[in-house]
Amino acid sequence: YMLIAGTVIFLAVITFQNNAFHRRISQLCEQADDPIIMNELAVCQQKLGMKKEIPVYLSPYSSTPFLYGVGKPRIVLPATMDFSEE
């Protein structure tokens, strides 16, 4: 019973932390509308054969790009990074 209780508590904590992280991302980031970024994302999605739209967010607090989310993946890019077609 201790193993089951520990697993349930662990999953509850991870779920809570994931929800809190998602709320922070939604509050602090803005959705990208830069045509260069969106065009490159569309090209990559076409090459990979992806049909699902993945939202891209710009974060003023992130220093590196990252992907998060399992069911609904999201791409978070640093807002201070200069993006070009290269």
PDB file of N, CA and C in Angstrom:
ATOM      1  N   TYR A   1       0.815  -1.202   0.000  1.00  0.00           N
ATOM      2  CA  TYR A   1       0.000   0.000   0.000  1.00  0.00           C
ATOM      3  C   TYR A   1       0.860   1.268   0.000  1.00  0.00           C
ATOM      4  N   MET A   2       2.039   1.157   0.601  1.00  0.00           N
ATOM      5  CA  MET A   2       2.936   2.315   0.644  1.00  0.00           C
ATOM      6  C   MET A   2       3.416   2.679  -0.775  1.00  0.00           C
ATOM      7  N   LEU A   3       3.695   1.677  -1.568  1.00  0.00           N
ATOM      8  CA  LEU A   3       4.145   1.911  -2.942  1.00  0.00           C
ATOM      9  C   LEU A   3       3.046   2.587  -3.768  1.00  0.00           C
ATOM     10  N   ILE A   4       1.831   2.126  -3.627  1.00  0.00           N
ATOM     11  CA  ILE A   4       0.706   2.716  -4.365  1.00  0.00           C
ATOM     12  C   ILE A   4       0.468   4.150  -3.899  1.00  0.00           C
ATOM     13  N   ALA A   5       0.498   4.364  -2.592  1.00  0.00           N
ATOM     14  CA  ALA A   5       0.296   5.715  -2.049  1.00  0.00           C
ATOM     15  C   ALA A   5       1.398   6.652  -2.529  1.00  0.00           C
ATOM     16  N   GLY A   6       2.641   6.201  -2.532  1.00  0.00           N
ATOM     17  CA  GLY A   6       3.747   7.023  -3.006  1.00  0.00           C
ATOM     18  C   GLY A   6       3.615   7.365  -4.479  1.00  0.00           C
ATOM     19  N   THR A   7       3.183   6.410  -5.278  1.00  0.00           N
ATOM     20  CA  THR A   7       2.996   6.641  -6.706  1.00  0.00           C
ATOM     21  C   THR A   7       1.887   7.654  -6.962  1.00  0.00           C
ATOM     22  N   VAL A   8       0.794   7.527  -6.237  1.00  0.00           N
ATOM     23  CA  VAL A   8      -0.321   8.468  -6.400  1.00  0.00           C
ATOM     24  C   VAL A   8       0.103   9.872  -5.987  1.00  0.00           C
ATOM     25  N   ILE A   9       0.827   9.999  -4.894  1.00  0.00           N
ATOM     26  CA  ILE A   9       1.295  11.319  -4.444  1.00  0.00           C
ATOM     27  C   ILE A   9       2.265  11.905  -5.459  1.00  0.00           C
ATOM     28  N   PHE A  10       3.179  11.085  -5.970  1.00  0.00           N
ATOM     29  CA  PHE A  10       4.133  11.547  -6.973  1.00  0.00           C
ATOM     30  C   PHE A  10       3.422  12.055  -8.225  1.00  0.00           C
ATOM     31  N   LEU A  11       2.454  11.314  -8.721  1.00  0.00           N
ATOM     32  CA  LEU A  11       1.711  11.726  -9.916  1.00  0.00           C
ATOM     33  C   LEU A  11       0.919  13.002  -9.666  1.00  0.00           C
ATOM     34  N   ALA A  12       0.361  13.151  -8.473  1.00  0.00           N
ATOM     35  CA  ALA A  12      -0.383  14.366  -8.133  1.00  0.00           C
ATOM     36  C   ALA A  12       0.549  15.581  -8.117  1.00  0.00           C
ATOM     37  N   VAL A  13       1.725  15.431  -7.550  1.00  0.00           N
ATOM     38  CA  VAL A  13       2.682  16.539  -7.496  1.00  0.00           C
ATOM     39  C   VAL A  13       3.140  16.915  -8.906  1.00  0.00           C
ATOM     40  N   ILE A  14       3.456  15.936  -9.735  1.00  0.00           N
ATOM     41  CA  ILE A  14       3.889  16.208 -11.107  1.00  0.00           C
ATOM     42  C   ILE A  14       2.788  16.897 -11.899  1.00  0.00           C
ATOM     43  N   THR A  15       1.548  16.453 -11.743  1.00  0.00           N
ATOM     44  CA  THR A  15       0.417  17.075 -12.434  1.00  0.00           C
ATOM     45  C   THR A  15       0.239  18.521 -11.986  1.00  0.00           C
ATOM     46  N   PHE A  16       0.335  18.775 -10.686  1.00  0.00           N
ATOM     47  CA  PHE A  16       0.206  20.128 -10.155  1.00  0.00           C
ATOM     48  C   PHE A  16       1.309  21.030 -10.701  1.00  0.00           C
ATOM     49  N   GLN A  17       2.556  20.547 -10.710  1.00  0.00           N
ATOM     50  CA  GLN A  17       3.670  21.337 -11.212  1.00  0.00           C
ATOM     51  C   GLN A  17       3.519  21.624 -12.707  1.00  0.00           C
ATOM     52  N   ASN A  18       3.056  20.652 -13.467  1.00  0.00           N
ATOM     53  CA  ASN A  18       2.857  20.853 -14.898  1.00  0.00           C
ATOM     54  C   ASN A  18       1.775  21.895 -15.160  1.00  0.00           C
ATOM     55  N   ASN A  19       0.687  21.854 -14.411  1.00  0.00           N
ATOM     56  CA  ASN A  19      -0.384  22.843 -14.575  1.00  0.00           C
ATOM     57  C   ASN A  19       0.100  24.242 -14.199  1.00  0.00           C
ATOM     58  N   ALA A  20       0.878  24.353 -13.117  1.00  0.00           N
ATOM     59  CA  ALA A  20       1.409  25.650 -12.707  1.00  0.00           C
ATOM     60  C   ALA A  20       2.369  26.196 -13.768  1.00  0.00           C
ATOM     61  N   PHE A  21       3.205  25.325 -14.339  1.00  0.00           N
ATOM     62  CA  PHE A  21       4.132  25.744 -15.394  1.00  0.00           C
ATOM     63  C   PHE A  21       3.367  26.225 -16.623  1.00  0.00           C
ATOM     64  N   HIS A  22       2.319  25.507 -17.001  1.00  0.00           N
ATOM     65  CA  HIS A  22       1.504  25.903 -18.156  1.00  0.00           C
ATOM     66  C   HIS A  22       0.853  27.265 -17.921  1.00  0.00           C
ATOM     67  N   ARG A  23       0.347  27.505 -16.732  1.00  0.00           N
ATOM     68  CA  ARG A  23      -0.258  28.809 -16.423  1.00  0.00           C
ATOM     69  C   ARG A  23       0.778  29.929 -16.526  1.00  0.00           C
ATOM     70  N   ARG A  24       1.984  29.687 -16.015  1.00  0.00           N
ATOM     71  CA  ARG A  24       3.037  30.704 -16.096  1.00  0.00           C
ATOM     72  C   ARG A  24       3.418  30.994 -17.547  1.00  0.00           C
ATOM     73  N   ILE A  25       3.541  29.960 -18.342  1.00  0.00           N
ATOM     74  CA  ILE A  25       3.872  30.155 -19.760  1.00  0.00           C
ATOM     75  C   ILE A  25       2.773  30.967 -20.434  1.00  0.00           C
ATOM     76  N   SER A  26       1.525  30.640 -20.161  1.00  0.00           N
ATOM     77  CA  SER A  26       0.395  31.339 -20.791  1.00  0.00           C
ATOM     78  C   SER A  26       0.341  32.801 -20.370  1.00  0.00           C
ATOM     79  N   GLN A  27       0.703  33.095 -19.126  1.00  0.00           N
ATOM     80  CA  GLN A  27       0.636  34.468 -18.627  1.00  0.00           C
ATOM     81  C   GLN A  27       1.818  35.318 -19.077  1.00  0.00           C
ATOM     82  N   LEU A  28       3.015  34.729 -19.115  1.00  0.00           N
ATOM     83  CA  LEU A  28       4.219  35.507 -19.354  1.00  0.00           C
ATOM     84  C   LEU A  28       4.642  35.571 -20.817  1.00  0.00           C
ATOM     85  N   CYS A  29       4.167  34.662 -21.621  1.00  0.00           N
ATOM     86  CA  CYS A  29       4.603  34.600 -23.021  1.00  0.00           C
ATOM     87  C   CYS A  29       3.515  35.110 -23.943  1.00  0.00           C
ATOM     88  N   GLU A  30       3.963  35.553 -25.107  1.00  0.00           N
ATOM     89  CA  GLU A  30       3.000  35.953 -26.128  1.00  0.00           C
ATOM     90  C   GLU A  30       3.160  35.031 -27.326  1.00  0.00           C
ATOM     91  N   GLN A  31       2.078  34.777 -27.991  1.00  0.00           N
ATOM     92  CA  GLN A  31       2.115  33.882 -29.143  1.00  0.00           C
ATOM     93  C   GLN A  31       2.827  34.585 -30.301  1.00  0.00           C
ATOM     94  N   ALA A  32       3.711  33.841 -30.952  1.00  0.00           N
ATOM     95  CA  ALA A  32       4.507  34.409 -32.052  1.00  0.00           C
ATOM     96  C   ALA A  32       3.635  34.622 -33.280  1.00  0.00           C
ATOM     97  N   ASP A  33       3.843  35.771 -33.919  1.00  0.00           N
ATOM     98  CA  ASP A  33       3.145  36.047 -35.172  1.00  0.00           C
ATOM     99  C   ASP A  33       4.129  36.538 -36.230  1.00  0.00           C
ATOM    100  N   ASP A  34       5.429  36.356 -35.965  1.00  0.00           N
ATOM    101  CA  ASP A  34       6.468  36.744 -36.904  1.00  0.00           C
ATOM    102  C   ASP A  34       6.376  35.854 -38.149  1.00  0.00           C
ATOM    103  N   PRO A  35       6.269  36.451 -39.342  1.00  0.00           N
ATOM    104  CA  PRO A  35       6.112  35.628 -40.555  1.00  0.00           C
ATOM    105  C   PRO A  35       7.312  34.722 -40.829  1.00  0.00           C
ATOM    106  N   ILE A  36       8.517  35.134 -40.443  1.00  0.00           N
ATOM    107  CA  ILE A  36       9.699  34.293 -40.667  1.00  0.00           C
ATOM    108  C   ILE A  36       9.596  33.018 -39.835  1.00  0.00           C
ATOM    109  N   ILE A  37       9.253  33.165 -38.575  1.00  0.00           N
ATOM    110  CA  ILE A  37       9.129  32.004 -37.686  1.00  0.00           C
ATOM    111  C   ILE A  37       8.015  31.086 -38.157  1.00  0.00           C
ATOM    112  N   MET A  38       6.878  31.658 -38.466  1.00  0.00           N
ATOM    113  CA  MET A  38       5.725  30.844 -38.862  1.00  0.00           C
ATOM    114  C   MET A  38       5.978  30.138 -40.197  1.00  0.00           C
ATOM    115  N   ASN A  39       6.681  30.792 -41.117  1.00  0.00           N
ATOM    116  CA  ASN A  39       6.988  30.176 -42.399  1.00  0.00           C
ATOM    117  C   ASN A  39       7.943  28.996 -42.209  1.00  0.00           C
ATOM    118  N   GLU A  40       8.979  29.171 -41.399  1.00  0.00           N
ATOM    119  CA  GLU A  40       9.926  28.075 -41.144  1.00  0.00           C
ATOM    120  C   GLU A  40       9.239  26.909 -40.442  1.00  0.00           C
ATOM    121  N   LEU A  41       8.338  27.203 -39.524  1.00  0.00           N
ATOM    122  CA  LEU A  41       7.589  26.141 -38.844  1.00  0.00           C
ATOM    123  C   LEU A  41       6.728  25.378 -39.848  1.00  0.00           C
ATOM    124  N   ALA A  42       6.077  26.096 -40.755  1.00  0.00           N
ATOM    125  CA  ALA A  42       5.247  25.438 -41.775  1.00  0.00           C
ATOM    126  C   ALA A  42       6.085  24.550 -42.690  1.00  0.00           C
ATOM    127  N   VAL A  43       7.268  25.019 -43.063  1.00  0.00           N
ATOM    128  CA  VAL A  43       8.158  24.222 -43.915  1.00  0.00           C
ATOM    129  C   VAL A  43       8.582  22.952 -43.184  1.00  0.00           C
ATOM    130  N   CYS A  44       8.956  23.086 -41.915  1.00  0.00           N
ATOM    131  CA  CYS A  44       9.379  21.916 -41.123  1.00  0.00           C
ATOM    132  C   CYS A  44       8.225  20.934 -40.941  1.00  0.00           C
ATOM    133  N   GLN A  45       7.035  21.445 -40.682  1.00  0.00           N
ATOM    134  CA  GLN A  45       5.875  20.567 -40.507  1.00  0.00           C
ATOM    135  C   GLN A  45       5.576  19.813 -41.797  1.00  0.00           C
ATOM    136  N   GLN A  46       5.723  20.485 -42.930  1.00  0.00           N
ATOM    137  CA  GLN A  46       5.471  19.835 -44.216  1.00  0.00           C
ATOM    138  C   GLN A  46       6.506  18.748 -44.472  1.00  0.00           C
ATOM    139  N   LYS A  47       7.775  19.021 -44.187  1.00  0.00           N
ATOM    140  CA  LYS A  47       8.831  18.027 -44.384  1.00  0.00           C
ATOM    141  C   LYS A  47       8.617  16.798 -43.502  1.00  0.00           C
ATOM    142  N   LEU A  48       8.110  17.017 -42.288  1.00  0.00           N
ATOM    143  CA  LEU A  48       7.896  15.912 -41.355  1.00  0.00           C
ATOM    144  C   LEU A  48       6.545  15.237 -41.552  1.00  0.00           C
ATOM    145  N   GLY A  49       5.693  15.808 -42.393  1.00  0.00           N
ATOM    146  CA  GLY A  49       4.377  15.223 -42.640  1.00  0.00           C
ATOM    147  C   GLY A  49       3.409  15.441 -41.496  1.00  0.00           C
ATOM    148  N   MET A  50       3.604  16.520 -40.743  1.00  0.00           N
ATOM    149  CA  MET A  50       2.732  16.823 -39.602  1.00  0.00           C
ATOM    150  C   MET A  50       1.540  17.641 -40.062  1.00  0.00           C
ATOM    151  N   LYS A  51       0.380  17.277 -39.571  1.00  0.00           N
ATOM    152  CA  LYS A  51      -0.832  18.017 -39.905  1.00  0.00           C
ATOM    153  C   LYS A  51      -1.309  18.863 -38.718  1.00  0.00           C
ATOM    154  N   LYS A  52      -0.874  18.512 -37.528  1.00  0.00           N
ATOM    155  CA  LYS A  52      -1.293  19.212 -36.318  1.00  0.00           C
ATOM    156  C   LYS A  52      -0.556  20.543 -36.183  1.00  0.00           C
ATOM    157  N   GLU A  53      -1.301  21.586 -35.879  1.00  0.00           N
ATOM    158  CA  GLU A  53      -0.726  22.908 -35.699  1.00  0.00           C
ATOM    159  C   GLU A  53      -0.091  23.006 -34.307  1.00  0.00           C
ATOM    160  N   ILE A  54       1.164  23.443 -34.245  1.00  0.00           N
ATOM    161  CA  ILE A  54       1.868  23.593 -32.976  1.00  0.00           C
ATOM    162  C   ILE A  54       2.050  25.084 -32.714  1.00  0.00           C
ATOM    163  N   PRO A  55       1.511  25.595 -31.596  1.00  0.00           N
ATOM    164  CA  PRO A  55       1.676  27.016 -31.299  1.00  0.00           C
ATOM    165  C   PRO A  55       3.108  27.340 -30.887  1.00  0.00           C
ATOM    166  N   VAL A  56       3.545  28.537 -31.249  1.00  0.00           N
ATOM    167  CA  VAL A  56       4.884  29.021 -30.907  1.00  0.00           C
ATOM    168  C   VAL A  56       4.721  30.247 -30.027  1.00  0.00           C
ATOM    169  N   TYR A  57       5.426  30.247 -28.896  1.00  0.00           N
ATOM    170  CA  TYR A  57       5.376  31.359 -27.959  1.00  0.00           C
ATOM    171  C   TYR A  57       6.746  32.005 -27.841  1.00  0.00           C
ATOM    172  N   LEU A  58       6.767  33.311 -27.576  1.00  0.00           N
ATOM    173  CA  LEU A  58       8.000  34.044 -27.322  1.00  0.00           C
ATOM    174  C   LEU A  58       8.049  34.400 -25.848  1.00  0.00           C
ATOM    175  N   SER A  59       9.138  34.006 -25.194  1.00  0.00           N
ATOM    176  CA  SER A  59       9.282  34.232 -23.758  1.00  0.00           C
ATOM    177  C   SER A  59      10.403  35.225 -23.480  1.00  0.00           C
ATOM    178  N   PRO A  60      10.123  36.272 -22.706  1.00  0.00           N
ATOM    179  CA  PRO A  60      11.189  37.207 -22.340  1.00  0.00           C
ATOM    180  C   PRO A  60      12.112  36.635 -21.262  1.00  0.00           C
ATOM    181  N   TYR A  61      11.737  35.538 -20.616  1.00  0.00           N
ATOM    182  CA  TYR A  61      12.506  34.978 -19.512  1.00  0.00           C
ATOM    183  C   TYR A  61      13.301  33.731 -19.876  1.00  0.00           C
ATOM    184  N   SER A  62      13.165  33.242 -21.084  1.00  0.00           N
ATOM    185  CA  SER A  62      13.864  32.040 -21.503  1.00  0.00           C
ATOM    186  C   SER A  62      15.117  32.424 -22.283  1.00  0.00           C
ATOM    187  N   SER A  63      16.204  31.693 -22.027  1.00  0.00           N
ATOM    188  CA  SER A  63      17.435  31.972 -22.769  1.00  0.00           C
ATOM    189  C   SER A  63      17.686  30.936 -23.862  1.00  0.00           C
ATOM    190  N   THR A  64      16.947  29.833 -23.832  1.00  0.00           N
ATOM    191  CA  THR A  64      17.079  28.797 -24.854  1.00  0.00           C
ATOM    192  C   THR A  64      15.697  28.351 -25.312  1.00  0.00           C
ATOM    193  N   PRO A  65      15.569  27.903 -26.555  1.00  0.00           N
ATOM    194  CA  PRO A  65      14.282  27.380 -27.017  1.00  0.00           C
ATOM    195  C   PRO A  65      13.991  26.036 -26.363  1.00  0.00           C
ATOM    196  N   PHE A  66      12.716  25.742 -26.157  1.00  0.00           N
ATOM    197  CA  PHE A  66      12.339  24.430 -25.644  1.00  0.00           C
ATOM    198  C   PHE A  66      10.938  24.067 -26.101  1.00  0.00           C
ATOM    199  N   LEU A  67      10.666  22.783 -26.035  1.00  0.00           N
ATOM    200  CA  LEU A  67       9.380  22.211 -26.406  1.00  0.00           C
ATOM    201  C   LEU A  67       8.801  21.596 -25.150  1.00  0.00           C
ATOM    202  N   TYR A  68       7.526  21.834 -24.885  1.00  0.00           N
ATOM    203  CA  TYR A  68       6.904  21.183 -23.744  1.00  0.00           C
ATOM    204  C   TYR A  68       5.483  20.780 -24.091  1.00  0.00           C
ATOM    205  N   GLY A  69       4.999  19.803 -23.357  1.00  0.00           N
ATOM    206  CA  GLY A  69       3.655  19.298 -23.561  1.00  0.00           C
ATOM    207  C   GLY A  69       3.675  17.958 -24.267  1.00  0.00           C
ATOM    208  N   VAL A  70       2.836  17.059 -23.810  1.00  0.00           N
ATOM    209  CA  VAL A  70       2.773  15.730 -24.405  1.00  0.00           C
ATOM    210  C   VAL A  70       1.609  15.655 -25.381  1.00  0.00           C
ATOM    211  N   GLY A  71       0.413  15.921 -24.908  1.00  0.00           N
ATOM    212  CA  GLY A  71      -0.770  15.852 -25.773  1.00  0.00           C
ATOM    213  C   GLY A  71      -0.889  17.044 -26.697  1.00  0.00           C
ATOM    214  N   LYS A  72      -0.555  18.230 -26.168  1.00  0.00           N
ATOM    215  CA  LYS A  72      -0.594  19.469 -26.941  1.00  0.00           C
ATOM    216  C   LYS A  72       0.785  20.118 -26.863  1.00  0.00           C
ATOM    217  N   PRO A  73       1.692  19.731 -27.744  1.00  0.00           N
ATOM    218  CA  PRO A  73       3.040  20.301 -27.667  1.00  0.00           C
ATOM    219  C   PRO A  73       3.048  21.781 -28.028  1.00  0.00           C
ATOM    220  N   ARG A  74       3.964  22.508 -27.388  1.00  0.00           N
ATOM    221  CA  ARG A  74       4.140  23.932 -27.643  1.00  0.00           C
ATOM    222  C   ARG A  74       5.631  24.211 -27.759  1.00  0.00           C
ATOM    223  N   ILE A  75       5.981  25.146 -28.624  1.00  0.00           N
ATOM    224  CA  ILE A  75       7.364  25.563 -28.783  1.00  0.00           C
ATOM    225  C   ILE A  75       7.500  26.929 -28.126  1.00  0.00           C
ATOM    226  N   VAL A  76       8.516  27.073 -27.273  1.00  0.00           N
ATOM    227  CA  VAL A  76       8.781  28.347 -26.613  1.00  0.00           C
ATOM    228  C   VAL A  76      10.163  28.815 -27.057  1.00  0.00           C
ATOM    229  N   LEU A  77      10.203  30.015 -27.625  1.00  0.00           N
ATOM    230  CA  LEU A  77      11.452  30.598 -28.114  1.00  0.00           C
ATOM    231  C   LEU A  77      11.793  31.834 -27.282  1.00  0.00           C
ATOM    232  N   PRO A  78      13.086  32.118 -27.097  1.00  0.00           N
ATOM    233  CA  PRO A  78      13.456  33.342 -26.396  1.00  0.00           C
ATOM    234  C   PRO A  78      13.064  34.581 -27.207  1.00  0.00           C
ATOM    235  N   ALA A  79      12.483  35.552 -26.553  1.00  0.00           N
ATOM    236  CA  ALA A  79      12.045  36.762 -27.236  1.00  0.00           C
ATOM    237  C   ALA A  79      13.234  37.625 -27.657  1.00  0.00           C
ATOM    238  N   THR A  80      14.370  37.461 -26.980  1.00  0.00           N
ATOM    239  CA  THR A  80      15.542  38.291 -27.277  1.00  0.00           C
ATOM    240  C   THR A  80      16.391  37.736 -28.417  1.00  0.00           C
ATOM    241  N   MET A  81      16.076  36.557 -28.894  1.00  0.00           N
ATOM    242  CA  MET A  81      16.873  35.917 -29.953  1.00  0.00           C
ATOM    243  C   MET A  81      16.493  36.523 -31.308  1.00  0.00           C
ATOM    244  N   ASP A  82      17.511  36.783 -32.129  1.00  0.00           N
ATOM    245  CA  ASP A  82      17.285  37.292 -33.483  1.00  0.00           C
ATOM    246  C   ASP A  82      17.030  36.104 -34.400  1.00  0.00           C
ATOM    247  N   PHE A  83      15.929  36.121 -35.121  1.00  0.00           N
ATOM    248  CA  PHE A  83      15.584  35.030 -36.017  1.00  0.00           C
ATOM    249  C   PHE A  83      15.703  35.495 -37.463  1.00  0.00           C
ATOM    250  N   SER A  84      16.311  34.652 -38.270  1.00  0.00           N
ATOM    251  CA  SER A  84      16.416  34.903 -39.700  1.00  0.00           C
ATOM    252  C   SER A  84      16.048  33.606 -40.411  1.00  0.00           C
ATOM    253  N   GLU A  85      15.980  33.662 -41.707  1.00  0.00           N
ATOM    254  CA  GLU A  85      15.622  32.466 -42.476  1.00  0.00           C
ATOM    255  C   GLU A  85      16.710  31.391 -42.395  1.00  0.00           C
ATOM    256  N   GLU A  86      17.931  31.787 -42.093  1.00  0.00           N
ATOM    257  CA  GLU A  86      19.031  30.816 -41.943  1.00  0.00           C
ATOM    258  C   GLU A  86      18.820  29.998 -40.711  1.00  0.00           C
TER     259      GLU A  86
END
